[in-house]
Amino acid sequence: MKSVNTHKIYIYLFLILIITLIISLCIGSVNIPLSKIFNILKYNIFSIGEIDRTYNGILWYIRTPRVLTAFLVGGGLGICGATIQSLFQNPMGDPGILGISSGASLGAILSIAFGLASKSIVIMPLMSIFFSFLAGILVYKLGTFKGKVSILGLILSGIAIRTFLGALNSLILTNISDNLAKEFLFWSMGSLSGRHWDHIYMAGVPILFLSYLLMRNYNELNILLLGDEQSLSLGINVNRFRKKILIYTSSIVALAVCISGNIGFVGLVIPHILKKIIGNDNKYILPMSFLGGGIFLLLADLISRIIISPKEIGIGIVTSLLGAPYFMYLLLKYRRGEN
């Protein structure tokens, strides 16, 4: 383990988070003065003071839910990436790379295409959770040879599953209305546009709770880094534990996909950067990955909103542009290590 002051890292992350939240609330297609931000938040939370009604509608009903959604989705994806890397002893583990996000997308698209999502608010999340878990199990089975998890095997299995599920998604999209197809296209690039408080209650709160459950398993994840045989000798039922954690991570990813679409590389980039700073102890990596992932997606969302304002680009495009080069760097580093 690296000898670093983790308390200082927490303080830095919280300071960066607060600054990023304030900037995200202030800046957009309509810029809101900082003084009005505090007045509006104080009025809506504590019913104190007076407010500008025009700014209140923009800030409280449009921008604040979007900013909180970005933080919770980013935090969920960040902690899932860190968890998956420990779960499979795979430094390049990520919900997107391993096909879990694609499984969640398929579940969401099926629920909408067949009109199931309109019948109940819980159908889309449940279908997304089921297909994301199924994708994760398939990748794990295909990437395991003679009881050992292969890094390259997981990546290749993830590519195969993602390609197959992507083909199924495309097949569904060719047989639905043009309006739905355009909506799916924008959603598949990742978007937080139009998020409101219902999304926070429906998906944000469960993401927060499931992330807490993952943090509670930090000790077992640390032991798993020693290898399956050592973990078994220390009393951990490796297969049962992996399935339990896969349910947690699949659920988080599915909920994130339901409200934001496909957003990649958050779970790859953030845990890697943090591990370079503080080492591999999941006691610190998991909560810090949540904070770091939330900050990363807040910044990506801010860029997506202002880069061609008043229009916006998909947030998934921004995270891919930032994350793909880092993934290529890791692959080259891994290949040099192999050779």
Protein backbone atom coordinates (compact mmCIF):
# COMPACT_ATOMS: atom_id res chain seq x y z
CA MET A 1 0.00 0.00 0.00
CA LYS A 2 1.17 3.53 -0.70
CA SER A 3 1.80 5.76 2.28
CA VAL A 4 -0.38 8.80 1.68
CA ASN A 5 -2.58 11.01 3.81
CA THR A 6 -6.01 9.77 2.78
CA HIS A 7 -7.71 12.46 4.87
CA LYS A 8 -6.09 15.12 2.68
CA ILE A 9 -7.26 13.31 -0.47
CA TYR A 10 -10.82 13.28 0.89
CA ILE A 11 -10.61 17.01 1.66
CA TYR A 12 -9.28 17.78 -1.84
CA LEU A 13 -12.04 15.71 -3.45
CA PHE A 14 -14.77 17.40 -1.41
CA LEU A 15 -13.38 20.86 -2.22
CA ILE A 16 -13.23 20.03 -5.94
CA LEU A 17 -16.76 18.61 -5.73
CA ILE A 18 -18.16 21.78 -4.11
CA ILE A 19 -16.44 24.04 -6.67
CA THR A 20 -17.63 21.86 -9.56
CA LEU A 21 -21.20 21.81 -8.24
CA ILE A 22 -21.29 25.60 -7.91
CA ILE A 23 -19.86 26.14 -11.41
CA SER A 24 -22.30 23.59 -12.88
CA LEU A 25 -25.24 25.36 -11.26
CA CYS A 26 -24.10 28.80 -12.39
CA ILE A 27 -23.11 28.10 -16.00
CA GLY A 28 -25.39 26.97 -18.82
CA SER A 29 -27.42 28.33 -21.72
CA VAL A 30 -28.57 30.89 -19.12
CA ASN A 31 -25.90 31.99 -16.64
CA ILE A 32 -27.16 32.51 -13.08
CA PRO A 33 -25.32 34.83 -10.64
CA LEU A 34 -23.82 33.09 -7.62
CA SER A 35 -25.78 35.26 -5.17
CA LYS A 36 -29.07 34.15 -6.74
CA ILE A 37 -27.96 30.49 -6.59
CA PHE A 38 -27.66 30.64 -2.81
CA ASN A 39 -30.93 32.56 -2.42
CA ILE A 40 -32.86 30.06 -4.55
CA LEU A 41 -31.39 27.02 -2.79
CA LYS A 42 -32.08 28.59 0.62
CA TYR A 43 -35.66 29.38 -0.39
CA ASN A 44 -36.45 25.90 -1.78
CA ILE A 45 -34.72 23.93 0.96
CA PHE A 46 -35.50 26.04 4.04
CA SER A 47 -38.35 28.31 2.77
CA ILE A 48 -36.32 31.37 3.73
CA GLY A 49 -36.08 34.68 1.85
CA GLU A 50 -37.30 35.85 -1.53
CA ILE A 51 -36.33 34.66 -5.02
CA ASP A 52 -36.29 35.60 -8.68
CA ARG A 53 -39.06 33.41 -10.13
CA THR A 54 -37.45 33.22 -13.58
CA TYR A 55 -34.13 31.96 -12.27
CA ASN A 56 -35.90 29.69 -9.77
CA GLY A 57 -37.59 27.70 -12.54
CA ILE A 58 -34.31 27.20 -14.38
CA LEU A 59 -32.19 26.40 -11.34
CA TRP A 60 -34.47 24.35 -9.08
CA TYR A 61 -36.54 22.43 -11.61
CA ILE A 62 -34.06 21.98 -14.48
CA ARG A 63 -30.42 22.48 -13.54
CA THR A 64 -30.25 21.18 -9.96
CA PRO A 65 -31.83 17.77 -10.71
CA ARG A 66 -29.56 17.44 -13.74
CA VAL A 67 -26.43 18.27 -11.74
CA LEU A 68 -27.35 15.87 -8.93
CA THR A 69 -28.15 13.14 -11.47
CA ALA A 70 -24.73 13.65 -13.08
CA PHE A 71 -23.00 13.32 -9.71
CA LEU A 72 -24.93 10.20 -8.65
CA VAL A 73 -24.60 8.46 -12.03
CA GLY A 74 -20.89 9.30 -12.25
CA GLY A 75 -20.34 8.17 -8.67
CA GLY A 76 -22.18 4.91 -9.30
CA LEU A 77 -20.17 4.18 -12.45
CA GLY A 78 -16.93 5.10 -10.69
CA ILE A 79 -17.47 2.76 -7.75
CA CYS A 80 -18.65 -0.02 -10.11
CA GLY A 81 -15.43 0.27 -12.10
CA ALA A 82 -13.30 0.06 -8.96
CA THR A 83 -15.33 -2.91 -7.71
CA ILE A 84 -15.12 -4.83 -10.99
CA GLN A 85 -11.36 -4.30 -11.16
CA SER A 86 -10.97 -5.90 -7.74
CA LEU A 87 -13.62 -8.55 -8.33
CA PHE A 88 -11.85 -9.95 -11.41
CA GLN A 89 -8.32 -8.84 -10.51
CA ASN A 90 -8.53 -6.98 -13.80
CA PRO A 91 -6.90 -3.51 -14.03
CA MET A 92 -8.96 -2.72 -17.14
CA GLY A 93 -12.35 -3.66 -15.74
CA ASP A 94 -15.19 -1.26 -16.51
CA PRO A 95 -18.97 -1.72 -16.84
CA GLY A 96 -18.85 -0.50 -20.45
CA ILE A 97 -15.82 -2.53 -21.54
CA LEU A 98 -17.20 -5.72 -19.97
CA GLY A 99 -20.57 -5.40 -21.69
CA ILE A 100 -22.66 -4.73 -18.57
CA SER A 101 -23.75 -1.31 -19.86
CA SER A 102 -24.75 -2.83 -23.20
CA GLY A 103 -26.88 -5.40 -21.39
CA ALA A 104 -28.60 -2.64 -19.43
CA SER A 105 -29.21 -0.72 -22.66
CA LEU A 106 -30.81 -3.74 -24.29
CA GLY A 107 -33.17 -4.17 -21.34
CA ALA A 108 -34.16 -0.50 -21.45
CA ILE A 109 -34.68 -0.49 -25.23
CA LEU A 110 -36.79 -3.68 -25.11
CA SER A 111 -39.00 -2.25 -22.38
CA ILE A 112 -39.65 0.92 -24.40
CA ALA A 113 -39.94 -0.71 -27.83
CA PHE A 114 -42.61 -3.16 -26.60
CA GLY A 115 -44.47 -0.51 -24.61
CA LEU A 116 -43.73 -2.11 -21.25
CA ALA A 117 -42.06 0.96 -19.76
CA SER A 118 -45.29 2.95 -20.01
CA LYS A 119 -47.20 0.38 -17.94
CA SER A 120 -45.07 0.70 -14.82
CA ILE A 121 -42.14 2.88 -13.74
CA VAL A 122 -40.26 -0.17 -12.38
CA ILE A 123 -40.31 -2.31 -15.55
CA MET A 124 -37.46 -0.54 -17.35
CA PRO A 125 -35.06 -0.67 -14.35
CA LEU A 126 -35.91 -4.33 -13.68
CA MET A 127 -35.34 -5.36 -17.30
CA SER A 128 -32.11 -3.36 -17.41
CA ILE A 129 -30.88 -5.01 -14.21
CA PHE A 130 -31.71 -8.49 -15.54
CA PHE A 131 -29.92 -8.03 -18.88
CA SER A 132 -26.92 -6.24 -17.37
CA PHE A 133 -26.48 -9.08 -14.86
CA LEU A 134 -26.85 -11.64 -17.65
CA ALA A 135 -24.19 -9.83 -19.73
CA GLY A 136 -21.83 -9.68 -16.75
CA ILE A 137 -22.21 -13.40 -16.03
CA LEU A 138 -21.62 -14.30 -19.70
CA VAL A 139 -18.46 -12.20 -19.89
CA TYR A 140 -17.20 -13.70 -16.64
CA LYS A 141 -17.85 -17.27 -17.83
CA LEU A 142 -16.27 -16.69 -21.24
CA GLY A 143 -13.25 -14.90 -19.72
CA THR A 144 -12.54 -17.68 -17.21
CA PHE A 145 -10.34 -20.59 -18.26
CA LYS A 146 -9.64 -23.53 -15.93
CA GLY A 147 -10.89 -21.55 -12.98
CA LYS A 148 -8.63 -18.56 -13.67
CA VAL A 149 -9.79 -15.14 -14.83
CA SER A 150 -7.83 -13.85 -17.82
CA ILE A 151 -7.48 -10.08 -18.35
CA LEU A 152 -7.28 -10.49 -22.11
CA GLY A 153 -10.08 -13.06 -22.04
CA LEU A 154 -12.39 -10.67 -20.18
CA ILE A 155 -11.66 -7.84 -22.62
CA LEU A 156 -12.25 -10.04 -25.68
CA SER A 157 -15.39 -11.53 -24.13
CA GLY A 158 -16.63 -8.04 -23.33
CA ILE A 159 -16.04 -6.94 -26.93
CA ALA A 160 -17.91 -10.01 -28.23
CA ILE A 161 -20.90 -9.49 -25.92
CA ARG A 162 -21.01 -5.75 -26.61
CA THR A 163 -20.94 -6.36 -30.37
CA PHE A 164 -23.70 -8.96 -30.17
CA LEU A 165 -25.90 -6.82 -27.92
CA GLY A 166 -25.22 -3.79 -30.12
CA ALA A 167 -26.46 -5.76 -33.11
CA LEU A 168 -29.65 -6.67 -31.23
CA ASN A 169 -30.15 -3.01 -30.31
CA SER A 170 -29.73 -2.00 -33.96
CA LEU A 171 -32.20 -4.68 -35.05
CA ILE A 172 -34.79 -3.32 -32.63
CA LEU A 173 -34.15 0.27 -33.72
CA THR A 174 -34.76 -0.57 -37.39
CA ASN A 175 -38.25 -1.78 -36.55
CA ILE A 176 -39.57 1.14 -34.50
CA SER A 177 -40.86 4.59 -35.43
CA ASP A 178 -38.49 7.32 -36.62
CA ASN A 179 -39.24 9.49 -33.59
CA LEU A 180 -38.35 6.71 -31.17
CA ALA A 181 -35.26 5.84 -33.21
CA LYS A 182 -33.99 9.44 -32.97
CA GLU A 183 -34.69 9.46 -29.24
CA PHE A 184 -32.79 6.19 -28.79
CA LEU A 185 -29.87 7.49 -30.85
CA PHE A 186 -29.44 10.55 -28.64
CA TRP A 187 -29.99 8.45 -25.52
CA SER A 188 -27.37 5.89 -26.64
CA MET A 189 -24.76 8.68 -26.76
CA GLY A 190 -25.56 9.50 -23.14
CA SER A 191 -27.64 12.48 -22.12
CA LEU A 192 -28.79 14.16 -18.92
CA SER A 193 -31.08 16.58 -20.71
CA GLY A 194 -34.54 16.82 -19.17
CA ARG A 195 -33.65 15.05 -15.94
CA HIS A 196 -35.92 16.06 -13.05
CA TRP A 197 -36.52 15.24 -9.40
CA ASP A 198 -38.39 12.00 -10.17
CA HIS A 199 -35.18 10.60 -11.66
CA ILE A 200 -33.35 11.35 -8.41
CA TYR A 201 -35.97 9.50 -6.36
CA MET A 202 -36.36 6.60 -8.83
CA ALA A 203 -32.70 5.89 -9.59
CA GLY A 204 -30.39 8.31 -7.76
CA VAL A 205 -31.34 7.21 -4.24
CA PRO A 206 -31.06 3.45 -5.07
CA ILE A 207 -27.65 4.11 -6.69
CA LEU A 208 -26.52 5.79 -3.47
CA PHE A 209 -27.77 2.90 -1.32
CA LEU A 210 -26.25 0.17 -3.54
CA SER A 211 -22.94 2.06 -3.60
CA TYR A 212 -22.99 2.01 0.20
CA LEU A 213 -23.48 -1.78 0.10
CA LEU A 214 -20.45 -2.11 -2.18
CA MET A 215 -18.34 -0.02 0.22
CA ARG A 216 -19.26 -2.40 3.04
CA ASN A 217 -17.60 -5.27 1.12
CA TYR A 218 -14.20 -3.57 0.88
CA ASN A 219 -12.45 -6.16 3.07
CA GLU A 220 -13.58 -9.15 0.97
CA LEU A 221 -12.60 -7.31 -2.22
CA ASN A 222 -9.14 -6.66 -0.76
CA ILE A 223 -8.77 -10.37 0.04
CA LEU A 224 -9.90 -11.29 -3.47
CA LEU A 225 -6.93 -9.32 -4.84
CA LEU A 226 -4.71 -12.06 -3.35
CA GLY A 227 -6.22 -14.62 -5.74
CA ASP A 228 -9.06 -17.13 -5.67
CA GLU A 229 -7.13 -19.89 -3.87
CA GLN A 230 -6.01 -17.58 -1.06
CA SER A 231 -9.52 -16.17 -0.77
CA LEU A 232 -10.99 -19.66 -0.44
CA SER A 233 -8.46 -20.53 2.27
CA LEU A 234 -9.57 -17.42 4.18
CA GLY A 235 -13.20 -18.52 4.12
CA ILE A 236 -14.65 -16.59 1.19
CA ASN A 237 -17.00 -18.43 -1.16
CA VAL A 238 -15.57 -16.77 -4.27
CA ASN A 239 -18.31 -17.73 -6.74
CA ARG A 240 -21.14 -16.74 -4.41
CA PHE A 241 -19.40 -13.49 -3.50
CA ARG A 242 -18.78 -12.59 -7.16
CA LYS A 243 -22.44 -13.21 -8.01
CA LYS A 244 -23.59 -11.02 -5.11
CA ILE A 245 -21.29 -8.17 -6.12
CA LEU A 246 -22.29 -8.57 -9.77
CA ILE A 247 -25.94 -8.10 -8.73
CA TYR A 248 -25.02 -4.88 -6.93
CA THR A 249 -22.89 -3.50 -9.78
CA SER A 250 -25.35 -4.60 -12.48
CA SER A 251 -28.17 -2.88 -10.61
CA ILE A 252 -26.22 0.37 -10.31
CA VAL A 253 -25.22 0.33 -13.98
CA ALA A 254 -28.77 -0.52 -15.06
CA LEU A 255 -30.23 2.36 -13.05
CA ALA A 256 -27.57 4.70 -14.44
CA VAL A 257 -28.29 3.62 -18.01
CA CYS A 258 -32.05 4.07 -17.49
CA ILE A 259 -31.68 7.75 -16.63
CA SER A 260 -28.58 8.75 -18.59
CA GLY A 261 -28.06 6.32 -21.47
CA ASN A 262 -24.69 4.77 -22.26
CA ILE A 263 -21.78 6.58 -20.60
CA GLY A 264 -18.43 4.86 -20.84
CA PHE A 265 -14.95 4.99 -19.30
CA VAL A 266 -15.89 6.66 -15.99
CA GLY A 267 -15.31 3.40 -14.13
CA LEU A 268 -12.00 2.84 -15.91
CA VAL A 269 -10.31 6.22 -15.68
CA ILE A 270 -11.18 7.35 -12.13
CA PRO A 271 -10.18 4.22 -10.13
CA HIS A 272 -6.90 3.98 -12.09
CA ILE A 273 -5.92 7.55 -11.33
CA LEU A 274 -6.79 7.10 -7.65
CA LYS A 275 -4.85 3.83 -7.38
CA LYS A 276 -1.75 5.58 -8.66
CA ILE A 277 -2.12 8.05 -5.80
CA ILE A 278 -3.25 5.95 -2.84
CA GLY A 279 -2.71 2.28 -3.78
CA ASN A 280 -5.22 -0.58 -3.99
CA ASP A 281 -6.94 -0.56 -0.59
CA ASN A 282 -10.66 -0.72 -1.35
CA LYS A 283 -11.47 0.86 2.01
CA TYR A 284 -10.40 4.15 0.40
CA ILE A 285 -10.62 3.37 -3.32
CA LEU A 286 -14.38 2.65 -3.31
CA PRO A 287 -15.65 5.86 -1.63
CA MET A 288 -13.06 7.97 -3.45
CA SER A 289 -14.05 6.41 -6.78
CA PHE A 290 -17.64 7.42 -6.05
CA LEU A 291 -16.59 11.00 -5.36
CA GLY A 292 -14.14 11.09 -8.27
CA GLY A 293 -16.63 9.55 -10.69
CA GLY A 294 -19.25 12.10 -9.68
CA ILE A 295 -16.82 14.99 -10.22
CA PHE A 296 -15.69 13.58 -13.57
CA LEU A 297 -19.25 13.29 -14.90
CA LEU A 298 -20.18 16.74 -13.58
CA LEU A 299 -17.28 18.20 -15.58
CA ALA A 300 -18.19 16.13 -18.66
CA ASP A 301 -21.80 17.30 -18.42
CA LEU A 302 -20.66 20.91 -18.08
CA ILE A 303 -18.51 20.56 -21.21
CA SER A 304 -21.38 18.91 -23.11
CA ARG A 305 -23.66 21.86 -22.25
CA ILE A 306 -21.36 24.78 -23.01
CA ILE A 307 -19.05 23.65 -25.82
CA ILE A 308 -21.60 24.44 -28.56
CA SER A 309 -24.15 26.34 -26.45
CA PRO A 310 -27.14 26.71 -26.73
CA LYS A 311 -27.03 23.21 -28.27
CA GLU A 312 -25.46 20.31 -26.41
CA ILE A 313 -23.65 17.14 -27.31
CA GLY A 314 -24.06 13.71 -25.76
CA ILE A 315 -22.23 13.39 -22.47
CA GLY A 316 -21.12 9.90 -23.52
CA ILE A 317 -19.21 11.48 -26.42
CA VAL A 318 -17.27 13.67 -23.98
CA THR A 319 -16.40 10.79 -21.63
CA SER A 320 -15.35 8.61 -24.59
CA LEU A 321 -13.10 11.33 -26.01
CA LEU A 322 -11.44 11.63 -22.61
CA GLY A 323 -11.46 7.94 -21.67
CA ALA A 324 -10.61 6.12 -24.91
CA PRO A 325 -7.02 7.47 -25.12
CA TYR A 326 -6.48 6.42 -21.50
CA PHE A 327 -7.77 2.92 -22.29
CA MET A 328 -5.36 2.67 -25.24
CA TYR A 329 -2.53 3.76 -22.96
CA LEU A 330 -3.43 0.99 -20.50
CA LEU A 331 -3.56 -1.60 -23.28
CA LEU A 332 -0.11 -0.57 -24.51
CA LYS A 333 1.20 -0.66 -20.94
CA TYR A 334 -0.30 -4.13 -20.42
CA ARG A 335 1.19 -5.37 -23.70
CA ARG A 336 4.64 -4.08 -22.77
CA GLY A 337 4.28 -5.90 -19.45
CA GLU A 338 3.37 -9.09 -21.30
CA ASN A 339 6.36 -8.79 -23.56
